[in-house]
Amino acid sequence: MAVTAVHDEQFQQHIESGRPIIVKYYADWCGSCKLFAPKFTRLSNDERFQSVEFLEVNAEICPVARQTAGVDNLPFFAIFKNGNLIEGTATAKEDTVVAMLQKVSG
């Protein structure tokens, strides 16, 4: 599954879809965010996580989505299910993101 870029206008609709969602919050100036981007895309295509929808949000231009997850550093990853925030953390470690995904996949 591909990574979908969303803005504040579509954010609530996506997280309330009933599917588990992982959101990557980033900023264009964030070097760690740029380095993690290909890993996030690869994870989105991983068969283990095919039940999870992958979203990315530019934290600088989407204040509503940023506040919903309590973003305090970048890159920041948040898991939502049925519109509720399950977990959120600032990390650049793939193992941490995989562990988050395993909690809500399958």
PDB file of N, CA and C in Angstrom:
ATOM      1  N   MET A   1       0.851  -1.179   0.000  1.00  0.00           N
ATOM      2  CA  MET A   1       0.000   0.000   0.000  1.00  0.00           C
ATOM      3  C   MET A   1       0.894   1.238   0.000  1.00  0.00           C
ATOM      4  N   ALA A   2       0.476   2.249  -0.676  1.00  0.00           N
ATOM      5  CA  ALA A   2       1.260   3.469  -0.776  1.00  0.00           C
ATOM      6  C   ALA A   2       1.074   4.358   0.456  1.00  0.00           C
ATOM      7  N   VAL A   3       1.982   5.296   0.598  1.00  0.00           N
ATOM      8  CA  VAL A   3       1.879   6.312   1.644  1.00  0.00           C
ATOM      9  C   VAL A   3       1.059   7.464   1.075  1.00  0.00           C
ATOM     10  N   THR A   4       0.054   7.899   1.821  1.00  0.00           N
ATOM     11  CA  THR A   4      -0.820   8.984   1.383  1.00  0.00           C
ATOM     12  C   THR A   4      -0.507  10.250   2.168  1.00  0.00           C
ATOM     13  N   ALA A   5      -0.254  11.337   1.455  1.00  0.00           N
ATOM     14  CA  ALA A   5      -0.036  12.632   2.098  1.00  0.00           C
ATOM     15  C   ALA A   5      -1.399  13.264   2.360  1.00  0.00           C
ATOM     16  N   VAL A   6      -1.632  13.691   3.607  1.00  0.00           N
ATOM     17  CA  VAL A   6      -2.908  14.312   3.950  1.00  0.00           C
ATOM     18  C   VAL A   6      -2.674  15.650   4.656  1.00  0.00           C
ATOM     19  N   HIS A   7      -3.681  16.494   4.561  1.00  0.00           N
ATOM     20  CA  HIS A   7      -3.680  17.801   5.226  1.00  0.00           C
ATOM     21  C   HIS A   7      -4.773  17.795   6.285  1.00  0.00           C
ATOM     22  N   ASP A   8      -4.829  18.851   7.057  1.00  0.00           N
ATOM     23  CA  ASP A   8      -5.824  18.956   8.126  1.00  0.00           C
ATOM     24  C   ASP A   8      -7.241  18.655   7.640  1.00  0.00           C
ATOM     25  N   GLU A   9      -7.566  19.082   6.407  1.00  0.00           N
ATOM     26  CA  GLU A   9      -8.929  18.928   5.891  1.00  0.00           C
ATOM     27  C   GLU A   9      -9.355  17.463   5.787  1.00  0.00           C
ATOM     28  N   GLN A  10      -8.420  16.561   5.464  1.00  0.00           N
ATOM     29  CA  GLN A  10      -8.757  15.147   5.298  1.00  0.00           C
ATOM     30  C   GLN A  10      -8.368  14.291   6.498  1.00  0.00           C
ATOM     31  N   PHE A  11      -7.597  14.838   7.405  1.00  0.00           N
ATOM     32  CA  PHE A  11      -6.993  14.048   8.474  1.00  0.00           C
ATOM     33  C   PHE A  11      -8.027  13.308   9.315  1.00  0.00           C
ATOM     34  N   GLN A  12      -9.027  14.009   9.825  1.00  0.00           N
ATOM     35  CA  GLN A  12     -10.029  13.398  10.704  1.00  0.00           C
ATOM     36  C   GLN A  12     -10.775  12.283   9.997  1.00  0.00           C
ATOM     37  N   GLN A  13     -11.104  12.496   8.746  1.00  0.00           N
ATOM     38  CA  GLN A  13     -11.812  11.487   7.960  1.00  0.00           C
ATOM     39  C   GLN A  13     -10.992  10.198   7.868  1.00  0.00           C
ATOM     40  N   HIS A  14      -9.696  10.330   7.656  1.00  0.00           N
ATOM     41  CA  HIS A  14      -8.836   9.150   7.554  1.00  0.00           C
ATOM     42  C   HIS A  14      -8.751   8.405   8.888  1.00  0.00           C
ATOM     43  N   ILE A  15      -8.496   9.133   9.978  1.00  0.00           N
ATOM     44  CA  ILE A  15      -8.277   8.420  11.244  1.00  0.00           C
ATOM     45  C   ILE A  15      -9.566   7.812  11.796  1.00  0.00           C
ATOM     46  N   GLU A  16     -10.712   8.281  11.334  1.00  0.00           N
ATOM     47  CA  GLU A  16     -11.987   7.721  11.792  1.00  0.00           C
ATOM     48  C   GLU A  16     -12.519   6.634  10.863  1.00  0.00           C
ATOM     49  N   SER A  17     -11.698   6.185   9.920  1.00  0.00           N
ATOM     50  CA  SER A  17     -12.134   5.213   8.915  1.00  0.00           C
ATOM     51  C   SER A  17     -12.378   3.824   9.485  1.00  0.00           C
ATOM     52  N   GLY A  18     -11.876   3.549  10.699  1.00  0.00           N
ATOM     53  CA  GLY A  18     -12.022   2.218  11.282  1.00  0.00           C
ATOM     54  C   GLY A  18     -10.796   1.348  11.075  1.00  0.00           C
ATOM     55  N   ARG A  19      -9.974   1.697  10.115  1.00  0.00           N
ATOM     56  CA  ARG A  19      -8.741   0.953   9.875  1.00  0.00           C
ATOM     57  C   ARG A  19      -7.665   1.456  10.821  1.00  0.00           C
ATOM     58  N   PRO A  20      -6.702   0.593  11.162  1.00  0.00           N
ATOM     59  CA  PRO A  20      -5.548   1.101  11.898  1.00  0.00           C
ATOM     60  C   PRO A  20      -4.727   2.005  10.977  1.00  0.00           C
ATOM     61  N   ILE A  21      -4.241   3.096  11.535  1.00  0.00           N
ATOM     62  CA  ILE A  21      -3.519   4.111  10.762  1.00  0.00           C
ATOM     63  C   ILE A  21      -2.189   4.392  11.448  1.00  0.00           C
ATOM     64  N   ILE A  22      -1.133   4.513  10.654  1.00  0.00           N
ATOM     65  CA  ILE A  22       0.114   5.071  11.182  1.00  0.00           C
ATOM     66  C   ILE A  22       0.368   6.360  10.428  1.00  0.00           C
ATOM     67  N   VAL A  23       0.728   7.394  11.184  1.00  0.00           N
ATOM     68  CA  VAL A  23       0.999   8.701  10.598  1.00  0.00           C
ATOM     69  C   VAL A  23       2.447   9.070  10.877  1.00  0.00           C
ATOM     70  N   LYS A  24       3.138   9.466   9.818  1.00  0.00           N
ATOM     71  CA  LYS A  24       4.488  10.008   9.963  1.00  0.00           C
ATOM     72  C   LYS A  24       4.374  11.528   9.839  1.00  0.00           C
ATOM     73  N   TYR A  25       4.778  12.221  10.886  1.00  0.00           N
ATOM     74  CA  TYR A  25       4.807  13.684  10.880  1.00  0.00           C
ATOM     75  C   TYR A  25       6.222  14.104  10.528  1.00  0.00           C
ATOM     76  N   TYR A  26       6.337  15.054   9.618  1.00  0.00           N
ATOM     77  CA  TYR A  26       7.648  15.489   9.145  1.00  0.00           C
ATOM     78  C   TYR A  26       7.633  16.986   8.860  1.00  0.00           C
ATOM     79  N   ALA A  27       8.810  17.501   8.561  1.00  0.00           N
ATOM     80  CA  ALA A  27       8.950  18.876   8.059  1.00  0.00           C
ATOM     81  C   ALA A  27       9.982  18.829   6.941  1.00  0.00           C
ATOM     82  N   ASP A  28       9.848  19.720   5.985  1.00  0.00           N
ATOM     83  CA  ASP A  28      10.759  19.727   4.840  1.00  0.00           C
ATOM     84  C   ASP A  28      12.208  19.970   5.242  1.00  0.00           C
ATOM     85  N   TRP A  29      12.436  20.696   6.322  1.00  0.00           N
ATOM     86  CA  TRP A  29      13.797  21.007   6.759  1.00  0.00           C
ATOM     87  C   TRP A  29      14.426  19.899   7.600  1.00  0.00           C
ATOM     88  N   CYS A  30      13.658  18.877   7.968  1.00  0.00           N
ATOM     89  CA  CYS A  30      14.105  17.835   8.907  1.00  0.00           C
ATOM     90  C   CYS A  30      14.910  16.752   8.184  1.00  0.00           C
ATOM     91  N   GLY A  31      16.213  16.710   8.464  1.00  0.00           N
ATOM     92  CA  GLY A  31      17.091  15.729   7.833  1.00  0.00           C
ATOM     93  C   GLY A  31      16.730  14.296   8.192  1.00  0.00           C
ATOM     94  N   SER A  32      16.431  14.039   9.464  1.00  0.00           N
ATOM     95  CA  SER A  32      16.055  12.682   9.887  1.00  0.00           C
ATOM     96  C   SER A  32      14.759  12.237   9.219  1.00  0.00           C
ATOM     97  N   CYS A  33      13.854  13.186   9.000  1.00  0.00           N
ATOM     98  CA  CYS A  33      12.589  12.875   8.327  1.00  0.00           C
ATOM     99  C   CYS A  33      12.858  12.416   6.889  1.00  0.00           C
ATOM    100  N   LYS A  34      13.750  13.126   6.212  1.00  0.00           N
ATOM    101  CA  LYS A  34      14.092  12.771   4.831  1.00  0.00           C
ATOM    102  C   LYS A  34      14.760  11.409   4.768  1.00  0.00           C
ATOM    103  N   LEU A  35      15.624  11.122   5.731  1.00  0.00           N
ATOM    104  CA  LEU A  35      16.307   9.830   5.750  1.00  0.00           C
ATOM    105  C   LEU A  35      15.341   8.683   6.025  1.00  0.00           C
ATOM    106  N   PHE A  36      14.288   8.943   6.802  1.00  0.00           N
ATOM    107  CA  PHE A  36      13.342   7.881   7.148  1.00  0.00           C
ATOM    108  C   PHE A  36      12.317   7.643   6.042  1.00  0.00           C
ATOM    109  N   ALA A  37      12.112   8.585   5.153  1.00  0.00           N
ATOM    110  CA  ALA A  37      11.061   8.485   4.130  1.00  0.00           C
ATOM    111  C   ALA A  37      11.103   7.182   3.329  1.00  0.00           C
ATOM    112  N   PRO A  38      12.257   6.737   2.808  1.00  0.00           N
ATOM    113  CA  PRO A  38      12.242   5.477   2.053  1.00  0.00           C
ATOM    114  C   PRO A  38      11.933   4.258   2.926  1.00  0.00           C
ATOM    115  N   LYS A  39      12.314   4.297   4.189  1.00  0.00           N
ATOM    116  CA  LYS A  39      11.999   3.194   5.106  1.00  0.00           C
ATOM    117  C   LYS A  39      10.488   3.117   5.324  1.00  0.00           C
ATOM    118  N   PHE A  40       9.859   4.281   5.489  1.00  0.00           N
ATOM    119  CA  PHE A  40       8.416   4.327   5.713  1.00  0.00           C
ATOM    120  C   PHE A  40       7.679   3.785   4.485  1.00  0.00           C
ATOM    121  N   THR A  41       8.143   4.157   3.308  1.00  0.00           N
ATOM    122  CA  THR A  41       7.540   3.651   2.071  1.00  0.00           C
ATOM    123  C   THR A  41       7.704   2.136   1.985  1.00  0.00           C
ATOM    124  N   ARG A  42       8.885   1.646   2.318  1.00  0.00           N
ATOM    125  CA  ARG A  42       9.133   0.197   2.289  1.00  0.00           C
ATOM    126  C   ARG A  42       8.205  -0.528   3.268  1.00  0.00           C
ATOM    127  N   LEU A  43       8.050   0.020   4.479  1.00  0.00           N
ATOM    128  CA  LEU A  43       7.160  -0.593   5.461  1.00  0.00           C
ATOM    129  C   LEU A  43       5.707  -0.600   4.968  1.00  0.00           C
ATOM    130  N   SER A  44       5.322   0.437   4.236  1.00  0.00           N
ATOM    131  CA  SER A  44       3.947   0.503   3.733  1.00  0.00           C
ATOM    132  C   SER A  44       3.661  -0.607   2.728  1.00  0.00           C
ATOM    133  N   ASN A  45       4.702  -1.131   2.105  1.00  0.00           N
ATOM    134  CA  ASN A  45       4.553  -2.217   1.139  1.00  0.00           C
ATOM    135  C   ASN A  45       4.821  -3.591   1.738  1.00  0.00           C
ATOM    136  N   ASP A  46       5.123  -3.648   3.024  1.00  0.00           N
ATOM    137  CA  ASP A  46       5.412  -4.897   3.711  1.00  0.00           C
ATOM    138  C   ASP A  46       4.103  -5.659   3.948  1.00  0.00           C
ATOM    139  N   GLU A  47       4.056  -6.918   3.533  1.00  0.00           N
ATOM    140  CA  GLU A  47       2.831  -7.721   3.661  1.00  0.00           C
ATOM    141  C   GLU A  47       2.342  -7.837   5.102  1.00  0.00           C
ATOM    142  N   ARG A  48       3.250  -7.788   6.067  1.00  0.00           N
ATOM    143  CA  ARG A  48       2.846  -7.890   7.478  1.00  0.00           C
ATOM    144  C   ARG A  48       1.917  -6.756   7.891  1.00  0.00           C
ATOM    145  N   PHE A  49       2.016  -5.623   7.190  1.00  0.00           N
ATOM    146  CA  PHE A  49       1.279  -4.428   7.607  1.00  0.00           C
ATOM    147  C   PHE A  49       0.241  -3.989   6.571  1.00  0.00           C
ATOM    148  N   GLN A  50      -0.234  -4.936   5.761  1.00  0.00           N
ATOM    149  CA  GLN A  50      -1.172  -4.569   4.707  1.00  0.00           C
ATOM    150  C   GLN A  50      -2.526  -4.098   5.240  1.00  0.00           C
ATOM    151  N   SER A  51      -2.841  -4.398   6.492  1.00  0.00           N
ATOM    152  CA  SER A  51      -4.110  -3.938   7.066  1.00  0.00           C
ATOM    153  C   SER A  51      -4.025  -2.501   7.588  1.00  0.00           C
ATOM    154  N   VAL A  52      -2.816  -1.933   7.606  1.00  0.00           N
ATOM    155  CA  VAL A  52      -2.588  -0.598   8.166  1.00  0.00           C
ATOM    156  C   VAL A  52      -2.509   0.434   7.040  1.00  0.00           C
ATOM    157  N   GLU A  53      -3.180   1.560   7.238  1.00  0.00           N
ATOM    158  CA  GLU A  53      -3.089   2.671   6.289  1.00  0.00           C
ATOM    159  C   GLU A  53      -1.931   3.579   6.712  1.00  0.00           C
ATOM    160  N   PHE A  54      -1.079   3.929   5.766  1.00  0.00           N
ATOM    161  CA  PHE A  54       0.093   4.758   6.019  1.00  0.00           C
ATOM    162  C   PHE A  54      -0.164   6.175   5.519  1.00  0.00           C
ATOM    163  N   LEU A  55      -0.054   7.138   6.445  1.00  0.00           N
ATOM    164  CA  LEU A  55      -0.250   8.549   6.101  1.00  0.00           C
ATOM    165  C   LEU A  55       1.000   9.332   6.463  1.00  0.00           C
ATOM    166  N   GLU A  56       1.203  10.439   5.755  1.00  0.00           N
ATOM    167  CA  GLU A  56       2.246  11.376   6.149  1.00  0.00           C
ATOM    168  C   GLU A  56       1.648  12.770   6.184  1.00  0.00           C
ATOM    169  N   VAL A  57       2.091  13.526   7.202  1.00  0.00           N
ATOM    170  CA  VAL A  57       1.556  14.865   7.443  1.00  0.00           C
ATOM    171  C   VAL A  57       2.716  15.826   7.631  1.00  0.00           C
ATOM    172  N   ASN A  58       2.688  16.923   6.889  1.00  0.00           N
ATOM    173  CA  ASN A  58       3.683  17.979   7.092  1.00  0.00           C
ATOM    174  C   ASN A  58       3.272  18.738   8.358  1.00  0.00           C
ATOM    175  N   ALA A  59       4.030  18.533   9.417  1.00  0.00           N
ATOM    176  CA  ALA A  59       3.675  19.091  10.724  1.00  0.00           C
ATOM    177  C   ALA A  59       3.684  20.611  10.742  1.00  0.00           C
ATOM    178  N   GLU A  60       4.407  21.222   9.829  1.00  0.00           N
ATOM    179  CA  GLU A  60       4.495  22.683   9.818  1.00  0.00           C
ATOM    180  C   GLU A  60       3.252  23.355   9.256  1.00  0.00           C
ATOM    181  N   ILE A  61       2.534  22.655   8.383  1.00  0.00           N
ATOM    182  CA  ILE A  61       1.370  23.288   7.754  1.00  0.00           C
ATOM    183  C   ILE A  61       0.045  22.641   8.161  1.00  0.00           C
ATOM    184  N   CYS A  62       0.094  21.687   9.094  1.00  0.00           N
ATOM    185  CA  CYS A  62      -1.119  20.985   9.532  1.00  0.00           C
ATOM    186  C   CYS A  62      -1.219  21.011  11.065  1.00  0.00           C
ATOM    187  N   PRO A  63      -1.569  22.155  11.646  1.00  0.00           N
ATOM    188  CA  PRO A  63      -1.592  22.271  13.105  1.00  0.00           C
ATOM    189  C   PRO A  63      -2.635  21.382  13.783  1.00  0.00           C
ATOM    190  N   VAL A  64      -3.761  21.131  13.134  1.00  0.00           N
ATOM    191  CA  VAL A  64      -4.800  20.294  13.745  1.00  0.00           C
ATOM    192  C   VAL A  64      -4.305  18.852  13.871  1.00  0.00           C
ATOM    193  N   ALA A  65      -3.758  18.315  12.799  1.00  0.00           N
ATOM    194  CA  ALA A  65      -3.238  16.945  12.825  1.00  0.00           C
ATOM    195  C   ALA A  65      -2.079  16.832  13.814  1.00  0.00           C
ATOM    196  N   ARG A  66      -1.250  17.850  13.864  1.00  0.00           N
ATOM    197  CA  ARG A  66      -0.100  17.859  14.786  1.00  0.00           C
ATOM    198  C   ARG A  66      -0.582  17.834  16.235  1.00  0.00           C
ATOM    199  N   GLN A  67      -1.560  18.655  16.575  1.00  0.00           N
ATOM    200  CA  GLN A  67      -2.087  18.702  17.946  1.00  0.00           C
ATOM    201  C   GLN A  67      -2.796  17.415  18.326  1.00  0.00           C
ATOM    202  N   THR A  68      -3.487  16.799  17.383  1.00  0.00           N
ATOM    203  CA  THR A  68      -4.224  15.565  17.654  1.00  0.00           C
ATOM    204  C   THR A  68      -3.311  14.473  18.195  1.00  0.00           C
ATOM    205  N   ALA A  69      -2.063  14.441  17.706  1.00  0.00           N
ATOM    206  CA  ALA A  69      -1.117  13.406  18.140  1.00  0.00           C
ATOM    207  C   ALA A  69      -0.149  13.891  19.211  1.00  0.00           C
ATOM    208  N   GLY A  70      -0.154  15.180  19.512  1.00  0.00           N
ATOM    209  CA  GLY A  70       0.773  15.708  20.510  1.00  0.00           C
ATOM    210  C   GLY A  70       2.216  15.712  20.030  1.00  0.00           C
ATOM    211  N   VAL A  71       2.411  16.048  18.771  1.00  0.00           N
ATOM    212  CA  VAL A  71       3.751  16.045  18.181  1.00  0.00           C
ATOM    213  C   VAL A  71       4.644  17.031  18.922  1.00  0.00           C
ATOM    214  N   ASP A  72       5.786  16.531  19.407  1.00  0.00           N
ATOM    215  CA  ASP A  72       6.717  17.380  20.140  1.00  0.00           C
ATOM    216  C   ASP A  72       8.130  17.375  19.556  1.00  0.00           C
ATOM    217  N   ASN A  73       8.363  16.546  18.549  1.00  0.00           N
ATOM    218  CA  ASN A  73       9.661  16.472  17.901  1.00  0.00           C
ATOM    219  C   ASN A  73       9.456  15.747  16.578  1.00  0.00           C
ATOM    220  N   LEU A  74      10.428  15.832  15.688  1.00  0.00           N
ATOM    221  CA  LEU A  74      10.298  15.199  14.372  1.00  0.00           C
ATOM    222  C   LEU A  74      11.510  14.326  14.091  1.00  0.00           C
ATOM    223  N   PRO A  75      11.346  13.246  13.327  1.00  0.00           N
ATOM    224  CA  PRO A  75      10.070  12.707  12.884  1.00  0.00           C
ATOM    225  C   PRO A  75       9.279  12.129  14.059  1.00  0.00           C
ATOM    226  N   PHE A  76       7.971  12.185  13.912  1.00  0.00           N
ATOM    227  CA  PHE A  76       7.067  11.703  14.948  1.00  0.00           C
ATOM    228  C   PHE A  76       6.108  10.723  14.289  1.00  0.00           C
ATOM    229  N   PHE A  77       5.854   9.607  14.958  1.00  0.00           N
ATOM    230  CA  PHE A  77       4.957   8.588  14.433  1.00  0.00           C
ATOM    231  C   PHE A  77       3.817   8.375  15.416  1.00  0.00           C
ATOM    232  N   ALA A  78       2.614   8.252  14.877  1.00  0.00           N
ATOM    233  CA  ALA A  78       1.439   8.049  15.725  1.00  0.00           C
ATOM    234  C   ALA A  78       0.575   6.954  15.125  1.00  0.00           C
ATOM    235  N   ILE A  79       0.027   6.124  16.006  1.00  0.00           N
ATOM    236  CA  ILE A  79      -0.900   5.066  15.614  1.00  0.00           C
ATOM    237  C   ILE A  79      -2.302   5.474  16.073  1.00  0.00           C
ATOM    238  N   PHE A  80      -3.259   5.392  15.145  1.00  0.00           N
ATOM    239  CA  PHE A  80      -4.657   5.676  15.448  1.00  0.00           C
ATOM    240  C   PHE A  80      -5.498   4.460  15.085  1.00  0.00           C
ATOM    241  N   LYS A  81      -6.553   4.239  15.863  1.00  0.00           N
ATOM    242  CA  LYS A  81      -7.531   3.216  15.516  1.00  0.00           C
ATOM    243  C   LYS A  81      -8.896   3.720  15.954  1.00  0.00           C
ATOM    244  N   ASN A  82      -9.844   3.668  15.031  1.00  0.00           N
ATOM    245  CA  ASN A  82     -11.211   4.155  15.278  1.00  0.00           C
ATOM    246  C   ASN A  82     -11.213   5.593  15.777  1.00  0.00           C
ATOM    247  N   GLY A  83     -10.323   6.403  15.249  1.00  0.00           N
ATOM    248  CA  GLY A  83     -10.273   7.816  15.608  1.00  0.00           C
ATOM    249  C   GLY A  83      -9.527   8.125  16.887  1.00  0.00           C
ATOM    250  N   ASN A  84      -9.040   7.096  17.581  1.00  0.00           N
ATOM    251  CA  ASN A  84      -8.351   7.298  18.851  1.00  0.00           C
ATOM    252  C   ASN A  84      -6.845   7.131  18.697  1.00  0.00           C
ATOM    253  N   LEU A  85      -6.114   7.997  19.361  1.00  0.00           N
ATOM    254  CA  LEU A  85      -4.664   7.884  19.392  1.00  0.00           C
ATOM    255  C   LEU A  85      -4.292   6.717  20.292  1.00  0.00           C
ATOM    256  N   ILE A  86      -3.584   5.738  19.754  1.00  0.00           N
ATOM    257  CA  ILE A  86      -3.150   4.572  20.519  1.00  0.00           C
ATOM    258  C   ILE A  86      -1.760   4.819  21.109  1.00  0.00           C
ATOM    259  N   GLU A  87      -0.881   5.369  20.282  1.00  0.00           N
ATOM    260  CA  GLU A  87       0.501   5.597  20.712  1.00  0.00           C
ATOM    261  C   GLU A  87       1.144   6.621  19.794  1.00  0.00           C
ATOM    262  N   GLY A  88       2.048   7.411  20.347  1.00  0.00           N
ATOM    263  CA  GLY A  88       2.811   8.351  19.546  1.00  0.00           C
ATOM    264  C   GLY A  88       4.194   8.525  20.122  1.00  0.00           C
ATOM    265  N   THR A  89       5.176   8.625  19.240  1.00  0.00           N
ATOM    266  CA  THR A  89       6.543   8.806  19.705  1.00  0.00           C
ATOM    267  C   THR A  89       7.403   9.471  18.642  1.00  0.00           C
ATOM    268  N   ALA A  90       8.361  10.244  19.092  1.00  0.00           N
ATOM    269  CA  ALA A  90       9.351  10.828  18.192  1.00  0.00           C
ATOM    270  C   ALA A  90      10.517   9.858  18.105  1.00  0.00           C
ATOM    271  N   THR A  91      10.839   9.427  16.899  1.00  0.00           N
ATOM    272  CA  THR A  91      11.930   8.474  16.715  1.00  0.00           C
ATOM    273  C   THR A  91      12.408   8.494  15.272  1.00  0.00           C
ATOM    274  N   ALA A  92      13.626   8.073  15.065  1.00  0.00           N
ATOM    275  CA  ALA A  92      14.155   7.848  13.726  1.00  0.00           C
ATOM    276  C   ALA A  92      14.613   6.401  13.601  1.00  0.00           C
ATOM    277  N   LYS A  93      14.150   5.558  14.536  1.00  0.00           N
ATOM    278  CA  LYS A  93      14.552   4.152  14.554  1.00  0.00           C
ATOM    279  C   LYS A  93      13.458   3.283  13.936  1.00  0.00           C
ATOM    280  N   GLU A  94      13.837   2.555  12.915  1.00  0.00           N
ATOM    281  CA  GLU A  94      12.875   1.696  12.228  1.00  0.00           C
ATOM    282  C   GLU A  94      12.303   0.628  13.155  1.00  0.00           C
ATOM    283  N   ASP A  95      13.112   0.073  14.038  1.00  0.00           N
ATOM    284  CA  ASP A  95      12.637  -0.961  14.959  1.00  0.00           C
ATOM    285  C   ASP A  95      11.480  -0.461  15.822  1.00  0.00           C
ATOM    286  N   THR A  96      11.543   0.795  16.244  1.00  0.00           N
ATOM    287  CA  THR A  96      10.479   1.374  17.060  1.00  0.00           C
ATOM    288  C   THR A  96       9.182   1.470  16.263  1.00  0.00           C
ATOM    289  N   VAL A  97       9.290   1.895  15.009  1.00  0.00           N
ATOM    290  CA  VAL A  97       8.113   2.025  14.153  1.00  0.00           C
ATOM    291  C   VAL A  97       7.528   0.646  13.850  1.00  0.00           C
ATOM    292  N   VAL A  98       8.376  -0.342  13.601  1.00  0.00           N
ATOM    293  CA  VAL A  98       7.899  -1.704  13.357  1.00  0.00           C
ATOM    294  C   VAL A  98       7.147  -2.229  14.577  1.00  0.00           C
ATOM    295  N   ALA A  99       7.670  -1.986  15.765  1.00  0.00           N
ATOM    296  CA  ALA A  99       6.999  -2.431  16.993  1.00  0.00           C
ATOM    297  C   ALA A  99       5.618  -1.779  17.124  1.00  0.00           C
ATOM    298  N   MET A 100       5.524  -0.505  16.771  1.00  0.00           N
ATOM    299  CA  MET A 100       4.227   0.177  16.810  1.00  0.00           C
ATOM    300  C   MET A 100       3.258  -0.476  15.824  1.00  0.00           C
ATOM    301  N   LEU A 101       3.749  -0.748  14.625  1.00  0.00           N
ATOM    302  CA  LEU A 101       2.910  -1.359  13.606  1.00  0.00           C
ATOM    303  C   LEU A 101       2.422  -2.749  14.010  1.00  0.00           C
ATOM    304  N   GLN A 102       3.280  -3.499  14.659  1.00  0.00           N
ATOM    305  CA  GLN A 102       2.917  -4.852  15.083  1.00  0.00           C
ATOM    306  C   GLN A 102       1.776  -4.846  16.104  1.00  0.00           C
ATOM    307  N   LYS A 103       1.669  -3.768  16.859  1.00  0.00           N
ATOM    308  CA  LYS A 103       0.600  -3.672  17.858  1.00  0.00           C
ATOM    309  C   LYS A 103      -0.781  -3.568  17.227  1.00  0.00           C
ATOM    310  N   VAL A 104      -0.872  -3.012  16.012  1.00  0.00           N
ATOM    311  CA  VAL A 104      -2.180  -2.773  15.413  1.00  0.00           C
ATOM    312  C   VAL A 104      -2.440  -3.542  14.109  1.00  0.00           C
ATOM    313  N   SER A 105      -1.442  -4.249  13.610  1.00  0.00           N
ATOM    314  CA  SER A 105      -1.639  -4.963  12.346  1.00  0.00           C
ATOM    315  C   SER A 105      -2.221  -6.347  12.587  1.00  0.00           C
ATOM    316  N   GLY A 106      -2.872  -6.847  11.543  1.00  0.00           N
ATOM    317  CA  GLY A 106      -3.357  -8.209  11.522  1.00  0.00           C
ATOM    318  C   GLY A 106      -4.301  -8.564  12.546  1.00  0.00           C
TER     319      GLY A 106
END
